[in-house]
mmCIF file of all heavy atoms, coordinates in Angstrom:
data_MODEL
# 
_entry.id   MODEL 
# 
loop_
_atom_site.group_PDB 
_atom_site.id 
_atom_site.type_symbol 
_atom_site.label_atom_id 
_atom_site.label_alt_id 
_atom_site.label_comp_id 
_atom_site.label_asym_id 
_atom_site.label_entity_id 
_atom_site.label_seq_id 
_atom_site.pdbx_PDB_ins_code 
_atom_site.Cartn_x 
_atom_site.Cartn_y 
_atom_site.Cartn_z 
_atom_site.occupancy 
_atom_site.B_iso_or_equiv 
_atom_site.pdbx_formal_charge 
_atom_site.auth_seq_id 
_atom_site.auth_comp_id 
_atom_site.auth_asym_id 
_atom_site.auth_atom_id 
_atom_site.pdbx_PDB_model_num 
ATOM 1   N N   . CYS A 1 1  ? -13.180 3.315  -23.086 1.00 0.00 ? 1  CYS A N   1 
ATOM 2   C CA  . CYS A 1 1  ? -13.718 3.325  -24.448 1.00 0.00 ? 1  CYS A CA  1 
ATOM 3   C C   . CYS A 1 1  ? -12.851 4.090  -25.436 1.00 0.00 ? 1  CYS A C   1 
ATOM 4   O O   . CYS A 1 1  ? -13.360 4.698  -26.388 1.00 0.00 ? 1  CYS A O   1 
ATOM 5   C CB  . CYS A 1 1  ? -15.151 3.907  -24.453 1.00 0.00 ? 1  CYS A CB  1 
ATOM 6   S SG  . CYS A 1 1  ? -16.308 2.982  -23.410 1.00 0.00 ? 1  CYS A SG  1 
ATOM 7   N N   . ASP A 1 2  ? -11.532 4.052  -25.220 1.00 0.00 ? 2  ASP A N   1 
ATOM 8   C CA  . ASP A 1 2  ? -10.623 4.708  -26.155 1.00 0.00 ? 2  ASP A CA  1 
ATOM 9   C C   . ASP A 1 2  ? -9.761  3.702  -26.900 1.00 0.00 ? 2  ASP A C   1 
ATOM 10  O O   . ASP A 1 2  ? -8.794  4.070  -27.567 1.00 0.00 ? 2  ASP A O   1 
ATOM 11  C CB  . ASP A 1 2  ? -9.719  5.704  -25.420 1.00 0.00 ? 2  ASP A CB  1 
ATOM 12  C CG  . ASP A 1 2  ? -8.875  5.032  -24.336 1.00 0.00 ? 2  ASP A CG  1 
ATOM 13  O OD1 . ASP A 1 2  ? -9.021  3.808  -24.137 1.00 0.00 ? 2  ASP A OD1 1 
ATOM 14  O OD2 . ASP A 1 2  ? -8.080  5.739  -23.693 1.00 0.00 ? 2  ASP A OD2 1 
ATOM 15  N N   . GLU A 1 3  ? -10.114 2.406  -26.774 1.00 0.00 ? 3  GLU A N   1 
ATOM 16  C CA  . GLU A 1 3  ? -9.419  1.313  -27.454 1.00 0.00 ? 3  GLU A CA  1 
ATOM 17  C C   . GLU A 1 3  ? -7.973  1.145  -26.992 1.00 0.00 ? 3  GLU A C   1 
ATOM 18  O O   . GLU A 1 3  ? -7.140  0.553  -27.689 1.00 0.00 ? 3  GLU A O   1 
ATOM 19  C CB  . GLU A 1 3  ? -9.469  1.492  -28.976 1.00 0.00 ? 3  GLU A CB  1 
ATOM 20  C CG  . GLU A 1 3  ? -10.900 1.491  -29.531 1.00 0.00 ? 3  GLU A CG  1 
ATOM 21  C CD  . GLU A 1 3  ? -10.928 1.588  -31.041 1.00 0.00 ? 3  GLU A CD  1 
ATOM 22  O OE1 . GLU A 1 3  ? -9.863  1.756  -31.650 1.00 0.00 ? 3  GLU A OE1 1 
ATOM 23  O OE2 . GLU A 1 3  ? -12.030 1.481  -31.612 1.00 0.00 ? 3  GLU A OE2 1 
ATOM 24  N N   . VAL A 1 4  ? -7.660  1.683  -25.811 1.00 0.00 ? 4  VAL A N   1 
ATOM 25  C CA  . VAL A 1 4  ? -6.339  1.514  -25.204 1.00 0.00 ? 4  VAL A CA  1 
ATOM 26  C C   . VAL A 1 4  ? -6.540  0.925  -23.814 1.00 0.00 ? 4  VAL A C   1 
ATOM 27  O O   . VAL A 1 4  ? -7.310  1.466  -23.012 1.00 0.00 ? 4  VAL A O   1 
ATOM 28  C CB  . VAL A 1 4  ? -5.571  2.851  -25.096 1.00 0.00 ? 4  VAL A CB  1 
ATOM 29  C CG1 . VAL A 1 4  ? -4.225  2.643  -24.399 1.00 0.00 ? 4  VAL A CG1 1 
ATOM 30  C CG2 . VAL A 1 4  ? -5.368  3.453  -26.478 1.00 0.00 ? 4  VAL A CG2 1 
ATOM 31  N N   . ASP A 1 5  ? -5.873  -0.175 -23.520 1.00 0.00 ? 5  ASP A N   1 
ATOM 32  C CA  . ASP A 1 5  ? -6.032  -0.809 -22.212 1.00 0.00 ? 5  ASP A CA  1 
ATOM 33  C C   . ASP A 1 5  ? -5.493  0.068  -21.093 1.00 0.00 ? 5  ASP A C   1 
ATOM 34  O O   . ASP A 1 5  ? -4.421  0.679  -21.221 1.00 0.00 ? 5  ASP A O   1 
ATOM 35  C CB  . ASP A 1 5  ? -5.290  -2.149 -22.170 1.00 0.00 ? 5  ASP A CB  1 
ATOM 36  C CG  . ASP A 1 5  ? -6.059  -3.255 -22.873 1.00 0.00 ? 5  ASP A CG  1 
ATOM 37  O OD1 . ASP A 1 5  ? -7.250  -3.064 -23.157 1.00 0.00 ? 5  ASP A OD1 1 
ATOM 38  O OD2 . ASP A 1 5  ? -5.454  -4.310 -23.140 1.00 0.00 ? 5  ASP A OD2 1 
ATOM 39  N N   . GLU A 1 6  ? -6.250  0.126  -19.997 1.00 0.00 ? 6  GLU A N   1 
ATOM 40  C CA  . GLU A 1 6  ? -5.710  0.680  -18.760 1.00 0.00 ? 6  GLU A CA  1 
ATOM 41  C C   . GLU A 1 6  ? -4.920  -0.418 -18.051 1.00 0.00 ? 6  GLU A C   1 
ATOM 42  O O   . GLU A 1 6  ? -5.146  -1.610 -18.278 1.00 0.00 ? 6  GLU A O   1 
ATOM 43  C CB  . GLU A 1 6  ? -6.827  1.174  -17.845 1.00 0.00 ? 6  GLU A CB  1 
ATOM 44  C CG  . GLU A 1 6  ? -7.329  2.575  -18.169 1.00 0.00 ? 6  GLU A CG  1 
ATOM 45  C CD  . GLU A 1 6  ? -7.933  2.688  -19.563 1.00 0.00 ? 6  GLU A CD  1 
ATOM 46  O OE1 . GLU A 1 6  ? -8.861  1.941  -19.884 1.00 0.00 ? 6  GLU A OE1 1 
ATOM 47  O OE2 . GLU A 1 6  ? -7.445  3.531  -20.338 1.00 0.00 ? 6  GLU A OE2 1 
ATOM 48  N N   . ILE A 1 7  ? -3.990  -0.013 -17.208 1.00 0.00 ? 7  ILE A N   1 
ATOM 49  C CA  . ILE A 1 7  ? -3.112  -0.948 -16.510 1.00 0.00 ? 7  ILE A CA  1 
ATOM 50  C C   . ILE A 1 7  ? -3.388  -0.829 -15.016 1.00 0.00 ? 7  ILE A C   1 
ATOM 51  O O   . ILE A 1 7  ? -3.287  0.256  -14.447 1.00 0.00 ? 7  ILE A O   1 
ATOM 52  C CB  . ILE A 1 7  ? -1.631  -0.639 -16.799 1.00 0.00 ? 7  ILE A CB  1 
ATOM 53  C CG1 . ILE A 1 7  ? -1.390  -0.605 -18.307 1.00 0.00 ? 7  ILE A CG1 1 
ATOM 54  C CG2 . ILE A 1 7  ? -0.724  -1.658 -16.125 1.00 0.00 ? 7  ILE A CG2 1 
ATOM 55  C CD1 . ILE A 1 7  ? -0.091  0.050  -18.702 1.00 0.00 ? 7  ILE A CD1 1 
ATOM 56  N N   . ILE A 1 8  ? -3.752  -1.942 -14.393 1.00 0.00 ? 8  ILE A N   1 
ATOM 57  C CA  . ILE A 1 8  ? -4.057  -1.960 -12.966 1.00 0.00 ? 8  ILE A CA  1 
ATOM 58  C C   . ILE A 1 8  ? -2.921  -2.687 -12.246 1.00 0.00 ? 8  ILE A C   1 
ATOM 59  O O   . ILE A 1 8  ? -2.596  -3.830 -12.568 1.00 0.00 ? 8  ILE A O   1 
ATOM 60  C CB  . ILE A 1 8  ? -5.396  -2.665 -12.699 1.00 0.00 ? 8  ILE A CB  1 
ATOM 61  C CG1 . ILE A 1 8  ? -6.512  -1.940 -13.463 1.00 0.00 ? 8  ILE A CG1 1 
ATOM 62  C CG2 . ILE A 1 8  ? -5.711  -2.712 -11.209 1.00 0.00 ? 8  ILE A CG2 1 
ATOM 63  C CD1 . ILE A 1 8  ? -7.797  -2.708 -13.534 1.00 0.00 ? 8  ILE A CD1 1 
ATOM 64  N N   . VAL A 1 9  ? -2.321  -1.999 -11.282 1.00 0.00 ? 9  VAL A N   1 
ATOM 65  C CA  . VAL A 1 9  ? -1.155  -2.542 -10.582 1.00 0.00 ? 9  VAL A CA  1 
ATOM 66  C C   . VAL A 1 9  ? -1.399  -2.454 -9.080  1.00 0.00 ? 9  VAL A C   1 
ATOM 67  O O   . VAL A 1 9  ? -1.861  -1.424 -8.576  1.00 0.00 ? 9  VAL A O   1 
ATOM 68  C CB  . VAL A 1 9  ? 0.126   -1.764 -10.941 1.00 0.00 ? 9  VAL A CB  1 
ATOM 69  C CG1 . VAL A 1 9  ? 1.348   -2.459 -10.338 1.00 0.00 ? 9  VAL A CG1 1 
ATOM 70  C CG2 . VAL A 1 9  ? 0.281   -1.633 -12.443 1.00 0.00 ? 9  VAL A CG2 1 
ATOM 71  N N   . GLU A 1 10 ? -1.090  -3.524 -8.364  1.00 0.00 ? 10 GLU A N   1 
ATOM 72  C CA  . GLU A 1 10 ? -1.203  -3.523 -6.909  1.00 0.00 ? 10 GLU A CA  1 
ATOM 73  C C   . GLU A 1 10 ? 0.139   -3.159 -6.284  1.00 0.00 ? 10 GLU A C   1 
ATOM 74  O O   . GLU A 1 10 ? 1.202   -3.431 -6.837  1.00 0.00 ? 10 GLU A O   1 
ATOM 75  C CB  . GLU A 1 10 ? -1.637  -4.896 -6.395  1.00 0.00 ? 10 GLU A CB  1 
ATOM 76  C CG  . GLU A 1 10 ? -3.053  -5.270 -6.761  1.00 0.00 ? 10 GLU A CG  1 
ATOM 77  C CD  . GLU A 1 10 ? -3.485  -6.589 -6.132  1.00 0.00 ? 10 GLU A CD  1 
ATOM 78  O OE1 . GLU A 1 10 ? -2.757  -7.096 -5.260  1.00 0.00 ? 10 GLU A OE1 1 
ATOM 79  O OE2 . GLU A 1 10 ? -4.546  -7.104 -6.514  1.00 0.00 ? 10 GLU A OE2 1 
ATOM 80  N N   . GLY A 1 11 ? 0.054   -2.533 -5.111  1.00 0.00 ? 11 GLY A N   1 
ATOM 81  C CA  . GLY A 1 11 ? 1.264   -2.170 -4.398  1.00 0.00 ? 11 GLY A CA  1 
ATOM 82  C C   . GLY A 1 11 ? 1.032   -2.213 -2.897  1.00 0.00 ? 11 GLY A C   1 
ATOM 83  O O   . GLY A 1 11 ? -0.085  -2.449 -2.428  1.00 0.00 ? 11 GLY A O   1 
ATOM 84  N N   . ALA A 1 12 ? 2.092   -1.984 -2.152  1.00 0.00 ? 12 ALA A N   1 
ATOM 85  C CA  . ALA A 1 12 ? 1.992   -1.956 -0.695  1.00 0.00 ? 12 ALA A CA  1 
ATOM 86  C C   . ALA A 1 12 ? 3.045   -1.022 -0.139  1.00 0.00 ? 12 ALA A C   1 
ATOM 87  O O   . ALA A 1 12 ? 4.094   -0.800 -0.762  1.00 0.00 ? 12 ALA A O   1 
ATOM 88  C CB  . ALA A 1 12 ? 2.174   -3.358 -0.114  1.00 0.00 ? 12 ALA A CB  1 
ATOM 89  N N   . ARG A 1 13 ? 2.745   -0.443 1.013   1.00 0.00 ? 13 ARG A N   1 
ATOM 90  C CA  . ARG A 1 13 ? 3.752   0.311  1.744   1.00 0.00 ? 13 ARG A CA  1 
ATOM 91  C C   . ARG A 1 13 ? 3.538   0.060  3.228   1.00 0.00 ? 13 ARG A C   1 
ATOM 92  O O   . ARG A 1 13 ? 2.446   -0.306 3.670   1.00 0.00 ? 13 ARG A O   1 
ATOM 93  C CB  . ARG A 1 13 ? 3.686   1.805  1.426   1.00 0.00 ? 13 ARG A CB  1 
ATOM 94  C CG  . ARG A 1 13 ? 2.518   2.565  2.037   1.00 0.00 ? 13 ARG A CG  1 
ATOM 95  C CD  . ARG A 1 13 ? 2.580   4.033  1.681   1.00 0.00 ? 13 ARG A CD  1 
ATOM 96  N NE  . ARG A 1 13 ? 1.468   4.780  2.265   1.00 0.00 ? 13 ARG A NE  1 
ATOM 97  C CZ  . ARG A 1 13 ? 1.536   5.426  3.417   1.00 0.00 ? 13 ARG A CZ  1 
ATOM 98  N NH1 . ARG A 1 13 ? 2.656   5.407  4.123   1.00 0.00 ? 13 ARG A NH1 1 
ATOM 99  N NH2 . ARG A 1 13 ? 0.491   6.083  3.885   1.00 0.00 ? 13 ARG A NH2 1 
ATOM 100 N N   . TYR A 1 14 ? 4.582   0.269  3.983   1.00 0.00 ? 14 TYR A N   1 
ATOM 101 C CA  . TYR A 1 14 ? 4.545   0.031  5.420   1.00 0.00 ? 14 TYR A CA  1 
ATOM 102 C C   . TYR A 1 14 ? 4.953   1.310  6.130   1.00 0.00 ? 14 TYR A C   1 
ATOM 103 O O   . TYR A 1 14 ? 5.780   2.079  5.631   1.00 0.00 ? 14 TYR A O   1 
ATOM 104 C CB  . TYR A 1 14 ? 5.505   -1.099 5.801   1.00 0.00 ? 14 TYR A CB  1 
ATOM 105 C CG  . TYR A 1 14 ? 5.205   -2.397 5.100   1.00 0.00 ? 14 TYR A CG  1 
ATOM 106 C CD1 . TYR A 1 14 ? 5.650   -2.622 3.799   1.00 0.00 ? 14 TYR A CD1 1 
ATOM 107 C CD2 . TYR A 1 14 ? 4.471   -3.395 5.714   1.00 0.00 ? 14 TYR A CD2 1 
ATOM 108 C CE1 . TYR A 1 14 ? 5.368   -3.796 3.143   1.00 0.00 ? 14 TYR A CE1 1 
ATOM 109 C CE2 . TYR A 1 14 ? 4.183   -4.586 5.065   1.00 0.00 ? 14 TYR A CE2 1 
ATOM 110 C CZ  . TYR A 1 14 ? 4.642   -4.778 3.779   1.00 0.00 ? 14 TYR A CZ  1 
ATOM 111 O OH  . TYR A 1 14 ? 4.359   -5.942 3.124   1.00 0.00 ? 14 TYR A OH  1 
ATOM 112 N N   . TYR A 1 15 ? 4.378   1.545  7.296   1.00 0.00 ? 15 TYR A N   1 
ATOM 113 C CA  . TYR A 1 15 ? 4.785   2.705  8.080   1.00 0.00 ? 15 TYR A CA  1 
ATOM 114 C C   . TYR A 1 15 ? 4.802   2.327  9.550   1.00 0.00 ? 15 TYR A C   1 
ATOM 115 O O   . TYR A 1 15 ? 4.028   1.499  10.013  1.00 0.00 ? 15 TYR A O   1 
ATOM 116 C CB  . TYR A 1 15 ? 3.851   3.900  7.830   1.00 0.00 ? 15 TYR A CB  1 
ATOM 117 C CG  . TYR A 1 15 ? 2.388   3.631  8.041   1.00 0.00 ? 15 TYR A CG  1 
ATOM 118 C CD1 . TYR A 1 15 ? 1.775   3.929  9.254   1.00 0.00 ? 15 TYR A CD1 1 
ATOM 119 C CD2 . TYR A 1 15 ? 1.605   3.084  7.018   1.00 0.00 ? 15 TYR A CD2 1 
ATOM 120 C CE1 . TYR A 1 15 ? 0.421   3.687  9.448   1.00 0.00 ? 15 TYR A CE1 1 
ATOM 121 C CE2 . TYR A 1 15 ? 0.259   2.836  7.207   1.00 0.00 ? 15 TYR A CE2 1 
ATOM 122 C CZ  . TYR A 1 15 ? -0.329  3.145  8.426   1.00 0.00 ? 15 TYR A CZ  1 
ATOM 123 O OH  . TYR A 1 15 ? -1.654  2.893  8.623   1.00 0.00 ? 15 TYR A OH  1 
ATOM 124 N N   . GLU A 1 16 ? 5.731   2.958  10.251  1.00 0.00 ? 16 GLU A N   1 
ATOM 125 C CA  . GLU A 1 16 ? 5.948   2.609  11.648  1.00 0.00 ? 16 GLU A CA  1 
ATOM 126 C C   . GLU A 1 16 ? 4.840   3.188  12.525  1.00 0.00 ? 16 GLU A C   1 
ATOM 127 O O   . GLU A 1 16 ? 4.394   4.321  12.324  1.00 0.00 ? 16 GLU A O   1 
ATOM 128 C CB  . GLU A 1 16 ? 7.312   3.135  12.106  1.00 0.00 ? 16 GLU A CB  1 
ATOM 129 C CG  . GLU A 1 16 ? 7.758   2.576  13.438  1.00 0.00 ? 16 GLU A CG  1 
ATOM 130 C CD  . GLU A 1 16 ? 9.179   2.969  13.779  1.00 0.00 ? 16 GLU A CD  1 
ATOM 131 O OE1 . GLU A 1 16 ? 9.927   3.356  12.850  1.00 0.00 ? 16 GLU A OE1 1 
ATOM 132 O OE2 . GLU A 1 16 ? 9.542   2.889  14.970  1.00 0.00 ? 16 GLU A OE2 1 
ATOM 133 N N   . THR A 1 17 ? 4.386   2.415  13.490  1.00 0.00 ? 17 THR A N   1 
ATOM 134 C CA  . THR A 1 17 ? 3.351   2.842  14.428  1.00 0.00 ? 17 THR A CA  1 
ATOM 135 C C   . THR A 1 17 ? 3.812   2.534  15.851  1.00 0.00 ? 17 THR A C   1 
ATOM 136 O O   . THR A 1 17 ? 4.700   1.702  16.066  1.00 0.00 ? 17 THR A O   1 
ATOM 137 C CB  . THR A 1 17 ? 2.022   2.094  14.170  1.00 0.00 ? 17 THR A CB  1 
ATOM 138 O OG1 . THR A 1 17 ? 2.236   0.683  14.344  1.00 0.00 ? 17 THR A OG1 1 
ATOM 139 C CG2 . THR A 1 17 ? 1.520   2.356  12.763  1.00 0.00 ? 17 THR A CG2 1 
ATOM 140 N N   . PRO A 1 18 ? 3.230   3.187  16.856  1.00 0.00 ? 18 PRO A N   1 
ATOM 141 C CA  . PRO A 1 18 ? 3.602   2.886  18.236  1.00 0.00 ? 18 PRO A CA  1 
ATOM 142 C C   . PRO A 1 18 ? 3.293   1.431  18.580  1.00 0.00 ? 18 PRO A C   1 
ATOM 143 O O   . PRO A 1 18 ? 2.261   0.899  18.190  1.00 0.00 ? 18 PRO A O   1 
ATOM 144 C CB  . PRO A 1 18 ? 2.713   3.845  19.058  1.00 0.00 ? 18 PRO A CB  1 
ATOM 145 C CG  . PRO A 1 18 ? 2.343   4.933  18.108  1.00 0.00 ? 18 PRO A CG  1 
ATOM 146 C CD  . PRO A 1 18 ? 2.265   4.283  16.756  1.00 0.00 ? 18 PRO A CD  1 
ATOM 147 N N   . ASN A 1 19 ? 4.193   0.787  19.287  1.00 0.00 ? 19 ASN A N   1 
ATOM 148 C CA  . ASN A 1 19 ? 3.989   -0.588 19.734  1.00 0.00 ? 19 ASN A CA  1 
ATOM 149 C C   . ASN A 1 19 ? 3.348   -0.555 21.110  1.00 0.00 ? 19 ASN A C   1 
ATOM 150 O O   . ASN A 1 19 ? 3.998   -0.248 22.113  1.00 0.00 ? 19 ASN A O   1 
ATOM 151 C CB  . ASN A 1 19 ? 5.323   -1.344 19.770  1.00 0.00 ? 19 ASN A CB  1 
ATOM 152 C CG  . ASN A 1 19 ? 5.124   -2.838 19.923  1.00 0.00 ? 19 ASN A CG  1 
ATOM 153 O OD1 . ASN A 1 19 ? 4.196   -3.287 20.595  1.00 0.00 ? 19 ASN A OD1 1 
ATOM 154 N ND2 . ASN A 1 19 ? 6.004   -3.613 19.304  1.00 0.00 ? 19 ASN A ND2 1 
ATOM 155 N N   . GLU A 1 20 ? 2.031   -0.836 21.160  1.00 0.00 ? 20 GLU A N   1 
ATOM 156 C CA  . GLU A 1 20 ? 1.300   -0.737 22.414  1.00 0.00 ? 20 GLU A CA  1 
ATOM 157 C C   . GLU A 1 20 ? 1.629   -1.865 23.377  1.00 0.00 ? 20 GLU A C   1 
ATOM 158 O O   . GLU A 1 20 ? 1.428   -1.740 24.586  1.00 0.00 ? 20 GLU A O   1 
ATOM 159 C CB  . GLU A 1 20 ? -0.211  -0.713 22.131  1.00 0.00 ? 20 GLU A CB  1 
ATOM 160 C CG  . GLU A 1 20 ? -0.632  0.487  21.288  1.00 0.00 ? 20 GLU A CG  1 
ATOM 161 C CD  . GLU A 1 20 ? -2.106  0.458  20.977  1.00 0.00 ? 20 GLU A CD  1 
ATOM 162 O OE1 . GLU A 1 20 ? -2.773  -0.537 21.357  1.00 0.00 ? 20 GLU A OE1 1 
ATOM 163 O OE2 . GLU A 1 20 ? -2.602  1.428  20.361  1.00 0.00 ? 20 GLU A OE2 1 
ATOM 164 N N   . GLU A 1 21 ? 2.144   -2.997 22.855  1.00 0.00 ? 21 GLU A N   1 
ATOM 165 C CA  . GLU A 1 21 ? 2.406   -4.149 23.707  1.00 0.00 ? 21 GLU A CA  1 
ATOM 166 C C   . GLU A 1 21 ? 3.816   -4.122 24.296  1.00 0.00 ? 21 GLU A C   1 
ATOM 167 O O   . GLU A 1 21 ? 4.017   -4.467 25.459  1.00 0.00 ? 21 GLU A O   1 
ATOM 168 C CB  . GLU A 1 21 ? 2.197   -5.443 22.916  1.00 0.00 ? 21 GLU A CB  1 
ATOM 169 C CG  . GLU A 1 21 ? 0.757   -5.631 22.450  1.00 0.00 ? 21 GLU A CG  1 
ATOM 170 C CD  . GLU A 1 21 ? 0.586   -6.925 21.677  1.00 0.00 ? 21 GLU A CD  1 
ATOM 171 O OE1 . GLU A 1 21 ? 1.604   -7.640 21.498  1.00 0.00 ? 21 GLU A OE1 1 
ATOM 172 O OE2 . GLU A 1 21 ? -0.548  -7.226 21.266  1.00 0.00 ? 21 GLU A OE2 1 
ATOM 173 N N   . GLU A 1 22 ? 4.816   -3.741 23.501  1.00 0.00 ? 22 GLU A N   1 
ATOM 174 C CA  . GLU A 1 22 ? 6.196   -3.766 23.962  1.00 0.00 ? 22 GLU A CA  1 
ATOM 175 C C   . GLU A 1 22 ? 6.860   -2.440 23.626  1.00 0.00 ? 22 GLU A C   1 
ATOM 176 O O   . GLU A 1 22 ? 7.260   -2.196 22.492  1.00 0.00 ? 22 GLU A O   1 
ATOM 177 C CB  . GLU A 1 22 ? 6.952   -4.927 23.314  1.00 0.00 ? 22 GLU A CB  1 
ATOM 178 C CG  . GLU A 1 22 ? 6.349   -6.297 23.625  1.00 0.00 ? 22 GLU A CG  1 
ATOM 179 C CD  . GLU A 1 22 ? 7.133   -7.416 22.971  1.00 0.00 ? 22 GLU A CD  1 
ATOM 180 O OE1 . GLU A 1 22 ? 8.353   -7.472 23.195  1.00 0.00 ? 22 GLU A OE1 1 
ATOM 181 O OE2 . GLU A 1 22 ? 6.531   -8.210 22.239  1.00 0.00 ? 22 GLU A OE2 1 
ATOM 182 N N   . GLU A 1 23 ? 6.960   -1.573 24.608  1.00 0.00 ? 23 GLU A N   1 
ATOM 183 C CA  . GLU A 1 23 ? 7.523   -0.241 24.398  1.00 0.00 ? 23 GLU A CA  1 
ATOM 184 C C   . GLU A 1 23 ? 8.985   -0.353 23.965  1.00 0.00 ? 23 GLU A C   1 
ATOM 185 O O   . GLU A 1 23 ? 9.760   -1.146 24.487  1.00 0.00 ? 23 GLU A O   1 
ATOM 186 C CB  . GLU A 1 23 ? 7.417   0.566  25.693  1.00 0.00 ? 23 GLU A CB  1 
ATOM 187 C CG  . GLU A 1 23 ? 7.831   2.021  25.525  1.00 0.00 ? 23 GLU A CG  1 
ATOM 188 C CD  . GLU A 1 23 ? 7.620   2.816  26.799  1.00 0.00 ? 23 GLU A CD  1 
ATOM 189 O OE1 . GLU A 1 23 ? 7.042   2.262  27.755  1.00 0.00 ? 23 GLU A OE1 1 
ATOM 190 O OE2 . GLU A 1 23 ? 8.039   3.972  26.830  1.00 0.00 ? 23 GLU A OE2 1 
ATOM 191 N N   . GLY A 1 24 ? 9.344   0.458  23.011  1.00 0.00 ? 24 GLY A N   1 
ATOM 192 C CA  . GLY A 1 24 ? 10.715  0.465  22.520  1.00 0.00 ? 24 GLY A CA  1 
ATOM 193 C C   . GLY A 1 24 ? 10.935  -0.393 21.295  1.00 0.00 ? 24 GLY A C   1 
ATOM 194 O O   . GLY A 1 24 ? 11.948  -0.252 20.617  1.00 0.00 ? 24 GLY A O   1 
# 
């Protein structure tokens, strides 16, 4: 309600996790 538009932006990030099926 301040007569200025807010800006909504989508993003993504990835992070490494242990591979339970194939070690290494």
